[in-house]
Amino acid sequence: KLYARLAEKLGDLGDYFNPERVKRGVTPCLGVCVGGPLLCVYPEGVWYHHVDEELLDRIIEEHLREGRVVEEAVFHRLEAE
């Protein structure tokens, strides 16, 4: 349900010909089911947990469109080298 909503809400960010486009994919179990559903945004490596429709909408607008991390929903950050 969230995966389909993500495609729907991305709009121009999901356009194949947009150089800033967002790619999405599904992964097998990551071993952190207690925090799921999870969403990870690269290249920043920001992991969000307990993603529901409302949070998904915020992540799309605030993080993907405006470049601001939704801090209160961050589960983990990958350290850049």
N, C-alpha and C. Protein backbone atom coordinates (compact mmCIF):
# COMPACT_ATOMS: atom_id res chain seq x y z
N LYS A 1 0.82 -1.19 0.00
CA LYS A 1 0.00 0.00 0.00
C LYS A 1 0.87 1.26 0.00
N LEU A 2 1.88 1.32 0.89
CA LEU A 2 2.76 2.49 0.94
C LEU A 2 3.61 2.59 -0.32
N TYR A 3 4.04 1.45 -0.84
CA TYR A 3 4.87 1.44 -2.05
C TYR A 3 4.10 2.05 -3.22
N ALA A 4 2.85 1.69 -3.36
CA ALA A 4 2.00 2.25 -4.43
C ALA A 4 1.76 3.74 -4.18
N ARG A 5 1.53 4.10 -2.93
CA ARG A 5 1.30 5.51 -2.59
C ARG A 5 2.54 6.35 -2.91
N LEU A 6 3.72 5.80 -2.65
CA LEU A 6 4.96 6.51 -2.95
C LEU A 6 5.03 6.83 -4.44
N ALA A 7 4.74 5.87 -5.28
CA ALA A 7 4.77 6.10 -6.73
C ALA A 7 3.78 7.19 -7.12
N GLU A 8 2.60 7.13 -6.53
CA GLU A 8 1.54 8.10 -6.84
C GLU A 8 1.92 9.51 -6.39
N LYS A 9 2.48 9.63 -5.19
CA LYS A 9 2.78 10.94 -4.61
C LYS A 9 4.06 11.59 -5.15
N LEU A 10 4.96 10.79 -5.71
CA LEU A 10 6.22 11.36 -6.21
C LEU A 10 6.00 12.35 -7.34
N GLY A 11 5.00 12.11 -8.17
CA GLY A 11 4.73 13.02 -9.28
C GLY A 11 5.95 13.18 -10.16
N ASP A 12 6.39 14.41 -10.37
CA ASP A 12 7.53 14.69 -11.24
C ASP A 12 8.83 14.09 -10.73
N LEU A 13 8.94 13.84 -9.43
CA LEU A 13 10.15 13.22 -8.89
C LEU A 13 10.30 11.77 -9.34
N GLY A 14 9.21 11.16 -9.76
CA GLY A 14 9.27 9.78 -10.24
C GLY A 14 9.41 9.67 -11.74
N ASP A 15 9.45 10.80 -12.43
CA ASP A 15 9.55 10.82 -13.89
C ASP A 15 10.91 10.29 -14.34
N TYR A 16 10.90 9.31 -15.20
CA TYR A 16 12.12 8.67 -15.68
C TYR A 16 13.11 9.66 -16.27
N PHE A 17 12.63 10.69 -16.92
CA PHE A 17 13.50 11.64 -17.60
C PHE A 17 13.94 12.81 -16.71
N ASN A 18 13.49 12.84 -15.48
CA ASN A 18 13.89 13.87 -14.53
C ASN A 18 15.28 13.50 -13.98
N PRO A 19 16.29 14.35 -14.18
CA PRO A 19 17.63 14.01 -13.67
C PRO A 19 17.69 13.92 -12.14
N GLU A 20 16.72 14.48 -11.45
CA GLU A 20 16.66 14.43 -9.99
C GLU A 20 15.70 13.34 -9.51
N ARG A 21 15.33 12.44 -10.40
CA ARG A 21 14.26 11.49 -10.07
C ARG A 21 14.58 10.60 -8.89
N VAL A 22 13.52 10.14 -8.25
CA VAL A 22 13.61 9.24 -7.12
C VAL A 22 13.36 7.83 -7.62
N LYS A 23 14.28 6.93 -7.31
CA LYS A 23 14.10 5.52 -7.65
C LYS A 23 13.61 4.82 -6.39
N ARG A 24 12.76 3.84 -6.55
CA ARG A 24 12.23 3.12 -5.40
C ARG A 24 12.37 1.63 -5.61
N GLY A 25 12.44 0.89 -4.53
CA GLY A 25 12.56 -0.55 -4.61
C GLY A 25 12.14 -1.19 -3.31
N VAL A 26 11.88 -2.47 -3.38
CA VAL A 26 11.48 -3.25 -2.22
C VAL A 26 12.62 -4.20 -1.89
N THR A 27 12.90 -4.37 -0.60
CA THR A 27 13.95 -5.28 -0.18
C THR A 27 13.36 -6.40 0.67
N PRO A 28 14.10 -7.51 0.78
CA PRO A 28 13.66 -8.56 1.70
C PRO A 28 13.87 -8.08 3.14
N CYS A 29 13.60 -8.92 4.08
CA CYS A 29 13.71 -8.58 5.51
C CYS A 29 15.08 -8.00 5.83
N LEU A 30 15.07 -6.91 6.58
CA LEU A 30 16.31 -6.27 7.02
C LEU A 30 16.60 -6.54 8.49
N GLY A 31 15.75 -7.36 9.12
CA GLY A 31 15.97 -7.74 10.50
C GLY A 31 15.56 -6.72 11.54
N VAL A 32 14.81 -5.72 11.14
CA VAL A 32 14.34 -4.70 12.08
C VAL A 32 12.83 -4.51 11.95
N CYS A 33 12.13 -5.61 11.90
CA CYS A 33 10.68 -5.58 11.69
C CYS A 33 9.95 -4.75 12.74
N VAL A 34 10.48 -4.72 13.95
CA VAL A 34 9.82 -3.99 15.02
C VAL A 34 9.67 -2.51 14.68
N GLY A 35 10.52 -1.98 13.81
CA GLY A 35 10.45 -0.57 13.44
C GLY A 35 9.74 -0.31 12.14
N GLY A 36 9.28 -1.36 11.48
CA GLY A 36 8.72 -1.21 10.13
C GLY A 36 7.32 -0.64 10.11
N PRO A 37 6.92 -0.23 8.95
CA PRO A 37 7.66 -0.16 7.69
C PRO A 37 8.80 0.87 7.75
N LEU A 38 9.88 0.56 7.03
CA LEU A 38 11.05 1.43 6.97
C LEU A 38 11.17 2.07 5.60
N LEU A 39 11.82 3.21 5.55
CA LEU A 39 12.11 3.89 4.29
C LEU A 39 13.50 4.50 4.42
N CYS A 40 14.36 4.25 3.45
CA CYS A 40 15.72 4.78 3.48
C CYS A 40 15.91 5.73 2.30
N VAL A 41 16.48 6.89 2.58
CA VAL A 41 16.72 7.89 1.54
C VAL A 41 18.23 8.01 1.32
N TYR A 42 18.64 7.72 0.10
CA TYR A 42 20.04 7.88 -0.31
C TYR A 42 20.14 9.06 -1.25
N PRO A 43 21.24 9.76 -1.35
CA PRO A 43 22.55 9.36 -0.86
C PRO A 43 22.82 9.72 0.60
N GLU A 44 21.88 10.38 1.27
CA GLU A 44 22.12 10.79 2.65
C GLU A 44 22.21 9.62 3.62
N GLY A 45 21.56 8.50 3.30
CA GLY A 45 21.57 7.35 4.19
C GLY A 45 20.71 7.54 5.41
N VAL A 46 19.61 8.25 5.25
CA VAL A 46 18.68 8.50 6.36
C VAL A 46 17.60 7.43 6.34
N TRP A 47 17.47 6.72 7.45
CA TRP A 47 16.46 5.67 7.60
C TRP A 47 15.32 6.19 8.46
N TYR A 48 14.11 6.03 7.95
CA TYR A 48 12.90 6.40 8.69
C TYR A 48 12.20 5.12 9.15
N HIS A 49 11.58 5.17 10.31
CA HIS A 49 10.86 3.99 10.82
C HIS A 49 9.41 4.33 11.12
N HIS A 50 8.62 3.27 11.27
CA HIS A 50 7.19 3.39 11.53
C HIS A 50 6.52 4.31 10.50
N VAL A 51 6.86 4.10 9.24
CA VAL A 51 6.32 4.95 8.17
C VAL A 51 4.86 4.58 7.90
N ASP A 52 3.99 5.57 8.02
CA ASP A 52 2.59 5.41 7.65
C ASP A 52 2.30 6.41 6.53
N GLU A 53 1.06 6.50 6.10
CA GLU A 53 0.73 7.39 4.98
C GLU A 53 1.06 8.85 5.28
N GLU A 54 0.77 9.29 6.48
CA GLU A 54 1.03 10.68 6.86
C GLU A 54 2.53 10.99 6.85
N LEU A 55 3.31 10.09 7.45
CA LEU A 55 4.76 10.30 7.48
C LEU A 55 5.35 10.20 6.07
N LEU A 56 4.86 9.28 5.27
CA LEU A 56 5.33 9.16 3.89
C LEU A 56 5.13 10.48 3.15
N ASP A 57 3.98 11.08 3.30
CA ASP A 57 3.71 12.37 2.65
C ASP A 57 4.69 13.44 3.13
N ARG A 58 4.98 13.44 4.43
CA ARG A 58 5.94 14.42 4.96
C ARG A 58 7.35 14.18 4.41
N ILE A 59 7.76 12.93 4.34
CA ILE A 59 9.09 12.60 3.82
C ILE A 59 9.21 13.06 2.37
N ILE A 60 8.17 12.82 1.59
CA ILE A 60 8.20 13.23 0.18
C ILE A 60 8.32 14.75 0.08
N GLU A 61 7.48 15.46 0.81
CA GLU A 61 7.48 16.92 0.72
C GLU A 61 8.72 17.55 1.37
N GLU A 62 8.98 17.19 2.60
CA GLU A 62 10.05 17.85 3.36
C GLU A 62 11.44 17.37 2.97
N HIS A 63 11.64 16.06 2.89
CA HIS A 63 12.98 15.55 2.61
C HIS A 63 13.28 15.52 1.11
N LEU A 64 12.43 14.87 0.35
CA LEU A 64 12.73 14.70 -1.08
C LEU A 64 12.58 15.99 -1.88
N ARG A 65 11.56 16.77 -1.59
CA ARG A 65 11.34 18.00 -2.36
C ARG A 65 12.08 19.21 -1.80
N GLU A 66 12.14 19.33 -0.46
CA GLU A 66 12.71 20.52 0.16
C GLU A 66 14.10 20.30 0.77
N GLY A 67 14.54 19.05 0.84
CA GLY A 67 15.88 18.76 1.35
C GLY A 67 16.03 18.83 2.86
N ARG A 68 14.91 18.79 3.60
CA ARG A 68 14.94 18.84 5.07
C ARG A 68 14.57 17.48 5.64
N VAL A 69 15.45 16.90 6.43
CA VAL A 69 15.19 15.61 7.06
C VAL A 69 14.06 15.76 8.08
N VAL A 70 13.17 14.78 8.13
CA VAL A 70 12.09 14.75 9.12
C VAL A 70 12.70 14.12 10.39
N GLU A 71 13.37 14.95 11.16
CA GLU A 71 14.22 14.49 12.27
C GLU A 71 13.52 13.58 13.27
N GLU A 72 12.30 13.89 13.64
CA GLU A 72 11.62 13.11 14.69
C GLU A 72 11.29 11.69 14.26
N ALA A 73 11.43 11.37 12.99
CA ALA A 73 11.11 10.03 12.49
C ALA A 73 12.36 9.26 12.07
N VAL A 74 13.55 9.82 12.30
CA VAL A 74 14.79 9.16 11.88
C VAL A 74 15.10 7.99 12.81
N PHE A 75 15.37 6.85 12.20
CA PHE A 75 15.69 5.61 12.91
C PHE A 75 17.21 5.41 12.95
N HIS A 76 17.87 5.77 11.86
CA HIS A 76 19.31 5.53 11.74
C HIS A 76 19.87 6.41 10.63
N ARG A 77 21.13 6.76 10.76
CA ARG A 77 21.85 7.49 9.70
C ARG A 77 23.13 6.74 9.39
N LEU A 78 23.38 6.53 8.11
CA LEU A 78 24.65 5.94 7.70
C LEU A 78 25.70 7.03 7.69
N GLU A 79 26.84 6.73 8.21
CA GLU A 79 27.93 7.70 8.25
C GLU A 79 28.62 7.75 6.90
N ALA A 80 28.83 8.95 6.38
CA ALA A 80 29.55 9.12 5.12
C ALA A 80 31.04 9.02 5.38
N GLU A 81 31.73 8.45 4.42
CA GLU A 81 33.19 8.33 4.56
C GLU A 81 33.88 9.40 3.77
